[in-house]
Amino acid sequence: TQPRWLAVGGSTTECVYLDDEKTWPWRLSQLLRDELGADAPWIGNAGISGFDTRQHLRLLEEGTLLRGVEGVILQPGINDLWRFAANEEEM
């Protein structure tokens, strides 16, 4: 069976304003398919705009997204930086 990986991050992962073929998770999937052929992993996109790393981890721990997934590509970003700079204590 084809390995399955999940891309997790904020808006730069979700890429809501781009067609699927222009998002980095899709493009990574294409590059791997070109390089590895049928052995290339499937890359799913679980990006959610506005989420920080803690929220993504909670989603992964409490949800079913990890079923059948061999790995996660976590792309933290500006949402973490903003919350840190604002000194938020959100858990």
Protein backbone atom coordinates (compact mmCIF):
# COMPACT_ATOMS: atom_id res chain seq x y z
CA THR A 1 0.00 0.00 0.00
CA GLN A 2 1.00 3.59 -0.56
CA PRO A 3 2.49 5.35 2.49
CA ARG A 4 0.36 8.19 3.83
CA TRP A 5 1.70 11.43 5.32
CA LEU A 6 -0.17 14.44 6.62
CA ALA A 7 0.85 18.11 6.23
CA VAL A 8 -0.25 20.13 9.26
CA GLY A 9 0.04 23.89 9.68
CA GLY A 10 -1.76 27.21 9.48
CA SER A 11 -2.75 29.28 6.48
CA THR A 12 0.53 28.66 4.64
CA THR A 13 -0.33 24.96 4.66
CA GLU A 14 -4.06 25.33 4.05
CA CYS A 15 -3.42 27.67 1.08
CA VAL A 16 -7.11 28.54 0.93
CA TYR A 17 -6.71 30.99 -1.98
CA LEU A 18 -4.80 28.58 -4.20
CA ASP A 19 -6.00 25.77 -6.40
CA ASP A 20 -4.96 22.40 -4.96
CA GLU A 21 -2.29 21.94 -7.62
CA LYS A 22 -0.50 25.09 -6.41
CA THR A 23 -0.33 24.24 -2.69
CA TRP A 24 2.99 23.08 -1.27
CA PRO A 25 1.62 19.74 0.02
CA TRP A 26 0.30 18.87 -3.44
CA ARG A 27 3.49 20.03 -5.13
CA LEU A 28 5.58 17.98 -2.67
CA SER A 29 3.43 14.97 -3.50
CA GLN A 30 4.06 15.55 -7.22
CA LEU A 31 7.82 15.93 -6.74
CA LEU A 32 7.96 12.71 -4.75
CA ARG A 33 5.84 10.90 -7.33
CA ASP A 34 8.17 12.08 -10.11
CA GLU A 35 11.18 10.87 -8.12
CA LEU A 36 9.84 7.66 -6.56
CA GLY A 37 7.00 6.64 -8.83
CA ALA A 38 4.42 4.30 -7.30
CA ASP A 39 6.39 4.16 -4.02
CA ALA A 40 5.83 7.87 -3.37
CA PRO A 41 3.78 8.71 -0.28
CA TRP A 42 0.36 10.29 -0.47
CA ILE A 43 0.50 13.74 1.17
CA GLY A 44 -2.75 14.91 2.77
CA ASN A 45 -3.39 18.53 3.68
CA ALA A 46 -4.70 19.27 7.19
CA GLY A 47 -3.85 22.97 7.24
CA ILE A 48 -6.21 25.22 9.21
CA SER A 49 -5.79 28.98 9.04
CA GLY A 50 -5.30 30.63 12.41
CA PHE A 51 -4.33 27.46 14.26
CA ASP A 52 -1.08 27.43 16.22
CA THR A 53 0.99 24.34 17.00
CA ARG A 54 -0.84 23.59 20.25
CA GLN A 55 -4.19 23.63 18.48
CA HIS A 56 -2.89 21.36 15.73
CA LEU A 57 -1.48 18.91 18.25
CA ARG A 58 -4.79 18.86 20.10
CA LEU A 59 -6.61 18.21 16.81
CA LEU A 60 -4.26 15.33 16.04
CA GLU A 61 -4.49 13.85 19.55
CA GLU A 62 -8.27 14.09 19.84
CA GLY A 63 -9.28 13.40 16.23
CA THR A 64 -8.99 10.54 13.78
CA LEU A 65 -6.66 12.21 11.28
CA LEU A 66 -3.71 10.02 12.25
CA ARG A 67 -5.43 6.72 11.46
CA GLY A 68 -3.43 5.04 8.73
CA VAL A 69 -0.89 7.88 8.59
CA GLU A 70 2.80 7.04 8.85
CA GLY A 71 4.10 10.54 9.44
CA VAL A 72 3.28 14.20 9.91
CA ILE A 73 4.95 17.21 8.36
CA LEU A 74 4.38 20.02 10.86
CA GLN A 75 4.85 23.56 9.60
CA PRO A 76 4.52 25.99 12.50
CA GLY A 77 4.37 29.61 11.55
CA ILE A 78 3.31 33.11 12.32
CA ASN A 79 0.36 32.07 14.51
CA ASP A 80 2.81 30.69 17.09
CA LEU A 81 4.97 33.80 16.89
CA TRP A 82 1.99 36.15 17.34
CA ARG A 83 0.74 34.28 20.38
CA PHE A 84 4.22 34.26 21.89
CA ALA A 85 4.71 37.97 21.19
CA ALA A 86 1.28 38.76 22.67
CA ASN A 87 2.23 36.72 25.76
CA GLU A 88 -0.93 34.62 25.48
CA GLU A 89 -1.20 31.69 27.85
CA GLU A 90 -3.64 29.71 25.73
CA MET A 91 -3.71 25.95 26.33
